[in-house]
Each structure stands twice: as C-alpha cells, then as structure tokens.
Amino acid sequence: MEFNDYQKAANRTLYGNEQVLTNCALGLAGESGQVVDLVKNYTFHGQDMDHEAIVKEMGDVLWYLSQIAQWADIDFDEVAQDNIKRLNERYPHGFQPER
C-alpha cells in the first residue's frame, strides 16, 4: 500500500472538529508510549516480544502520523520520501557508529 493511499483510507475514520491536531498529537504520544512499553518489557523484564501487539501499536502510531499530515495538507508519501532523502544525505554509506 502506498502511504498516500493509507492516509486517505485512514482519514475516513477521523472525527473532525476544531481540536483535530491536538487530539492527533496527544494520541500519537500515547500510542508511541505503548510501543515503548512493549520494548521496555522485552528489554528489561524478559517478556517475549508480542508480534501481534507491536504491529497493532505501530499501526496506531501510523494512523496518528497520517492524520497529522492530512491536517497539515502534507502528502504522507512526501514525509517518507523526504526522510529517506535526509537519511541518504546524512549516511551516504549507511550508518556506521565509528563515524
């Protein structure tokens, strides 16, 4: 699925009001925290990484990101492409810790 297609499909489930941006930003923080909690439990508490749970939480993060982009009239493809461009400029040979 293309990012712009995802963005449009996800937008049909957004309840619009004057506080959309705030709701999406707070939702993003909350869902990111859920991902962090799964990683914390895996790293420090010896729990197995729950594939289904992390996919669900990452999907929630993706939804909020796509709707912030939608609110700002930014194509989600642009976000992904710009990020890869900046990573390639910053790390033209891939990430190397010794550099």
N, C-alpha and C. Protein backbone atom coordinates (compact mmCIF):
# COMPACT_ATOMS: atom_id res chain seq x y z
N MET A 1 0.84 -1.18 0.00
CA MET A 1 0.00 0.00 0.00
C MET A 1 0.89 1.24 0.00
N GLU A 2 0.55 2.19 -0.79
CA GLU A 2 1.27 3.46 -0.83
C GLU A 2 0.86 4.32 0.37
N PHE A 3 1.78 5.14 0.84
CA PHE A 3 1.49 5.98 2.01
C PHE A 3 0.30 6.91 1.77
N ASN A 4 0.22 7.52 0.60
CA ASN A 4 -0.90 8.42 0.33
C ASN A 4 -2.23 7.67 0.33
N ASP A 5 -2.24 6.45 -0.19
CA ASP A 5 -3.46 5.63 -0.16
C ASP A 5 -3.85 5.31 1.27
N TYR A 6 -2.86 4.98 2.09
CA TYR A 6 -3.13 4.73 3.50
C TYR A 6 -3.72 5.96 4.16
N GLN A 7 -3.10 7.11 3.90
CA GLN A 7 -3.55 8.37 4.50
C GLN A 7 -5.01 8.64 4.18
N LYS A 8 -5.39 8.47 2.94
CA LYS A 8 -6.78 8.71 2.52
C LYS A 8 -7.72 7.71 3.16
N ALA A 9 -7.33 6.43 3.18
CA ALA A 9 -8.19 5.40 3.76
C ALA A 9 -8.35 5.62 5.27
N ALA A 10 -7.28 6.00 5.94
CA ALA A 10 -7.34 6.23 7.38
C ALA A 10 -8.18 7.44 7.72
N ASN A 11 -8.19 8.43 6.85
CA ASN A 11 -8.90 9.67 7.13
C ASN A 11 -10.39 9.48 7.29
N ARG A 12 -10.95 8.45 6.71
CA ARG A 12 -12.40 8.24 6.82
C ARG A 12 -12.81 7.92 8.26
N THR A 13 -11.85 7.54 9.10
CA THR A 13 -12.18 7.22 10.49
C THR A 13 -11.85 8.36 11.45
N LEU A 14 -11.43 9.51 10.91
CA LEU A 14 -11.12 10.66 11.75
C LEU A 14 -12.38 11.44 12.05
N TYR A 15 -12.62 11.69 13.32
CA TYR A 15 -13.74 12.53 13.71
C TYR A 15 -13.24 13.96 13.73
N GLY A 16 -13.73 14.77 12.82
CA GLY A 16 -13.22 16.13 12.67
C GLY A 16 -13.88 17.12 13.60
N ASN A 17 -13.06 17.92 14.23
CA ASN A 17 -13.52 19.09 14.99
C ASN A 17 -12.36 20.07 15.07
N GLU A 18 -12.54 21.13 15.81
CA GLU A 18 -11.51 22.17 15.85
C GLU A 18 -10.26 21.73 16.60
N GLN A 19 -10.31 20.60 17.27
CA GLN A 19 -9.16 20.14 18.05
C GLN A 19 -8.50 18.90 17.45
N VAL A 20 -8.62 18.73 16.14
CA VAL A 20 -8.07 17.55 15.48
C VAL A 20 -6.57 17.43 15.72
N LEU A 21 -5.83 18.51 15.50
CA LEU A 21 -4.38 18.45 15.64
C LEU A 21 -3.97 18.07 17.06
N THR A 22 -4.59 18.69 18.04
CA THR A 22 -4.26 18.38 19.43
C THR A 22 -4.59 16.93 19.75
N ASN A 23 -5.75 16.46 19.33
CA ASN A 23 -6.15 15.08 19.56
C ASN A 23 -5.15 14.12 18.93
N CYS A 24 -4.75 14.41 17.69
CA CYS A 24 -3.81 13.52 17.00
C CYS A 24 -2.43 13.54 17.65
N ALA A 25 -1.97 14.71 18.06
CA ALA A 25 -0.66 14.79 18.71
C ALA A 25 -0.65 14.04 20.04
N LEU A 26 -1.70 14.22 20.82
CA LEU A 26 -1.79 13.51 22.10
C LEU A 26 -1.96 12.01 21.89
N GLY A 27 -2.75 11.64 20.89
CA GLY A 27 -2.91 10.23 20.56
C GLY A 27 -1.60 9.60 20.13
N LEU A 28 -0.83 10.34 19.33
CA LEU A 28 0.48 9.86 18.88
C LEU A 28 1.40 9.61 20.07
N ALA A 29 1.40 10.54 21.01
CA ALA A 29 2.23 10.38 22.20
C ALA A 29 1.81 9.14 22.99
N GLY A 30 0.52 8.95 23.14
CA GLY A 30 0.03 7.79 23.89
C GLY A 30 0.36 6.48 23.22
N GLU A 31 0.15 6.41 21.91
CA GLU A 31 0.42 5.17 21.19
C GLU A 31 1.91 4.89 21.10
N SER A 32 2.72 5.95 20.98
CA SER A 32 4.18 5.77 20.99
C SER A 32 4.61 5.19 22.34
N GLY A 33 3.95 5.65 23.39
CA GLY A 33 4.22 5.11 24.72
C GLY A 33 3.90 3.63 24.83
N GLN A 34 2.87 3.19 24.12
CA GLN A 34 2.53 1.77 24.11
C GLN A 34 3.64 0.95 23.45
N VAL A 35 4.21 1.48 22.36
CA VAL A 35 5.33 0.81 21.69
C VAL A 35 6.52 0.76 22.64
N VAL A 36 6.81 1.89 23.29
CA VAL A 36 7.92 1.96 24.24
C VAL A 36 7.73 0.94 25.36
N ASP A 37 6.52 0.80 25.85
CA ASP A 37 6.24 -0.14 26.93
C ASP A 37 6.51 -1.58 26.50
N LEU A 38 6.12 -1.92 25.28
CA LEU A 38 6.40 -3.27 24.77
C LEU A 38 7.91 -3.52 24.69
N VAL A 39 8.65 -2.53 24.20
CA VAL A 39 10.11 -2.66 24.10
C VAL A 39 10.74 -2.75 25.49
N LYS A 40 10.26 -1.92 26.42
CA LYS A 40 10.77 -1.95 27.80
C LYS A 40 10.56 -3.33 28.42
N ASN A 41 9.35 -3.87 28.26
CA ASN A 41 9.06 -5.17 28.85
C ASN A 41 9.90 -6.28 28.22
N TYR A 42 10.19 -6.15 26.94
CA TYR A 42 11.04 -7.12 26.26
C TYR A 42 12.49 -6.98 26.74
N THR A 43 12.98 -5.75 26.80
CA THR A 43 14.38 -5.49 27.10
C THR A 43 14.72 -5.71 28.57
N PHE A 44 13.87 -5.23 29.46
CA PHE A 44 14.22 -5.22 30.87
C PHE A 44 13.46 -6.23 31.74
N HIS A 45 12.37 -6.77 31.23
CA HIS A 45 11.57 -7.67 32.06
C HIS A 45 11.48 -9.09 31.50
N GLY A 46 12.27 -9.36 30.46
CA GLY A 46 12.35 -10.71 29.92
C GLY A 46 11.09 -11.22 29.24
N GLN A 47 10.18 -10.33 28.92
CA GLN A 47 8.97 -10.78 28.22
C GLN A 47 9.27 -11.01 26.75
N ASP A 48 8.56 -11.95 26.16
CA ASP A 48 8.67 -12.14 24.72
C ASP A 48 8.09 -10.93 24.01
N MET A 49 8.66 -10.62 22.85
CA MET A 49 8.09 -9.54 22.04
C MET A 49 6.82 -10.08 21.40
N ASP A 50 5.72 -9.46 21.71
CA ASP A 50 4.42 -9.86 21.19
C ASP A 50 4.24 -9.23 19.81
N HIS A 51 4.46 -10.04 18.78
CA HIS A 51 4.42 -9.54 17.40
C HIS A 51 3.07 -8.88 17.09
N GLU A 52 2.01 -9.54 17.46
CA GLU A 52 0.67 -9.00 17.17
C GLU A 52 0.46 -7.66 17.87
N ALA A 53 0.90 -7.55 19.11
CA ALA A 53 0.71 -6.31 19.87
C ALA A 53 1.53 -5.17 19.29
N ILE A 54 2.79 -5.44 18.92
CA ILE A 54 3.61 -4.34 18.41
C ILE A 54 3.15 -3.91 17.02
N VAL A 55 2.66 -4.85 16.21
CA VAL A 55 2.10 -4.48 14.91
C VAL A 55 0.88 -3.58 15.12
N LYS A 56 0.02 -3.94 16.08
CA LYS A 56 -1.17 -3.13 16.36
C LYS A 56 -0.78 -1.73 16.81
N GLU A 57 0.14 -1.63 17.75
CA GLU A 57 0.54 -0.32 18.28
C GLU A 57 1.24 0.52 17.22
N MET A 58 2.08 -0.11 16.39
CA MET A 58 2.73 0.62 15.30
C MET A 58 1.70 1.11 14.30
N GLY A 59 0.67 0.33 14.07
CA GLY A 59 -0.42 0.77 13.20
C GLY A 59 -1.13 1.98 13.76
N ASP A 60 -1.33 1.99 15.07
CA ASP A 60 -1.96 3.16 15.71
C ASP A 60 -1.07 4.40 15.57
N VAL A 61 0.25 4.22 15.75
CA VAL A 61 1.18 5.33 15.56
C VAL A 61 1.09 5.84 14.13
N LEU A 62 1.07 4.91 13.18
CA LEU A 62 0.99 5.28 11.77
C LEU A 62 -0.29 6.06 11.48
N TRP A 63 -1.41 5.64 12.08
CA TRP A 63 -2.68 6.33 11.87
C TRP A 63 -2.58 7.78 12.33
N TYR A 64 -2.07 7.99 13.54
CA TYR A 64 -1.97 9.36 14.05
C TYR A 64 -1.02 10.20 13.21
N LEU A 65 0.11 9.64 12.80
CA LEU A 65 1.04 10.39 11.94
C LEU A 65 0.37 10.77 10.62
N SER A 66 -0.35 9.83 10.04
CA SER A 66 -1.00 10.11 8.75
C SER A 66 -2.05 11.20 8.89
N GLN A 67 -2.73 11.25 10.01
CA GLN A 67 -3.78 12.25 10.19
C GLN A 67 -3.22 13.63 10.54
N ILE A 68 -2.06 13.67 11.19
CA ILE A 68 -1.38 14.95 11.38
C ILE A 68 -0.95 15.49 10.03
N ALA A 69 -0.42 14.61 9.19
CA ALA A 69 -0.04 15.03 7.83
C ALA A 69 -1.28 15.50 7.05
N GLN A 70 -2.37 14.78 7.18
CA GLN A 70 -3.62 15.16 6.50
C GLN A 70 -4.07 16.54 6.96
N TRP A 71 -4.04 16.77 8.26
CA TRP A 71 -4.45 18.06 8.82
C TRP A 71 -3.59 19.19 8.26
N ALA A 72 -2.28 18.93 8.10
CA ALA A 72 -1.34 19.94 7.62
C ALA A 72 -1.28 20.00 6.10
N ASP A 73 -2.14 19.23 5.43
CA ASP A 73 -2.19 19.18 3.96
C ASP A 73 -0.84 18.75 3.38
N ILE A 74 -0.27 17.72 3.98
CA ILE A 74 1.01 17.15 3.54
C ILE A 74 0.74 15.73 3.08
N ASP A 75 1.16 15.41 1.85
CA ASP A 75 1.06 14.03 1.38
C ASP A 75 1.99 13.17 2.23
N PHE A 76 1.46 12.05 2.70
CA PHE A 76 2.25 11.16 3.55
C PHE A 76 3.44 10.60 2.79
N ASP A 77 3.28 10.39 1.47
CA ASP A 77 4.42 9.96 0.64
C ASP A 77 5.56 10.96 0.74
N GLU A 78 5.23 12.25 0.78
CA GLU A 78 6.26 13.29 0.88
C GLU A 78 7.07 13.14 2.16
N VAL A 79 6.39 12.83 3.25
CA VAL A 79 7.06 12.65 4.53
C VAL A 79 8.08 11.51 4.43
N ALA A 80 7.64 10.37 3.89
CA ALA A 80 8.52 9.21 3.77
C ALA A 80 9.68 9.48 2.83
N GLN A 81 9.39 10.08 1.68
CA GLN A 81 10.45 10.36 0.71
C GLN A 81 11.46 11.36 1.25
N ASP A 82 11.00 12.40 1.92
CA ASP A 82 11.90 13.40 2.49
C ASP A 82 12.79 12.78 3.56
N ASN A 83 12.22 11.90 4.37
CA ASN A 83 13.00 11.25 5.41
C ASN A 83 14.12 10.39 4.82
N ILE A 84 13.81 9.61 3.79
CA ILE A 84 14.82 8.77 3.15
C ILE A 84 15.90 9.64 2.51
N LYS A 85 15.49 10.73 1.89
CA LYS A 85 16.46 11.64 1.26
C LYS A 85 17.43 12.18 2.31
N ARG A 86 16.90 12.64 3.45
CA ARG A 86 17.76 13.18 4.50
C ARG A 86 18.67 12.11 5.10
N LEU A 87 18.15 10.88 5.26
CA LEU A 87 18.99 9.79 5.77
C LEU A 87 20.12 9.47 4.80
N ASN A 88 19.81 9.46 3.51
CA ASN A 88 20.84 9.18 2.50
C ASN A 88 21.90 10.27 2.48
N GLU A 89 21.49 11.52 2.69
CA GLU A 89 22.46 12.62 2.74
C GLU A 89 23.32 12.52 4.00
N ARG A 90 22.71 12.18 5.11
CA ARG A 90 23.42 12.11 6.38
C ARG A 90 24.32 10.88 6.46
N TYR A 91 23.85 9.77 5.90
CA TYR A 91 24.58 8.50 5.96
C TYR A 91 24.68 7.90 4.56
N PRO A 92 25.49 8.49 3.68
CA PRO A 92 25.55 8.02 2.30
C PRO A 92 26.02 6.57 2.16
N HIS A 93 26.75 6.06 3.14
CA HIS A 93 27.25 4.68 3.10
C HIS A 93 26.55 3.82 4.15
N GLY A 94 25.41 4.26 4.61
CA GLY A 94 24.72 3.57 5.70
C GLY A 94 25.26 4.06 7.04
N PHE A 95 24.57 3.74 8.10
CA PHE A 95 25.00 4.17 9.43
C PHE A 95 26.24 3.39 9.84
N GLN A 96 27.25 4.11 10.29
CA GLN A 96 28.47 3.50 10.79
C GLN A 96 28.81 4.18 12.12
N PRO A 97 28.71 3.45 13.23
CA PRO A 97 28.90 4.06 14.55
C PRO A 97 30.25 4.76 14.73
N GLU A 98 31.27 4.28 14.05
CA GLU A 98 32.60 4.87 14.24
C GLU A 98 32.77 6.19 13.52
N ARG A 99 31.79 6.62 12.74
CA ARG A 99 31.91 7.89 12.01
C ARG A 99 31.34 9.02 12.80
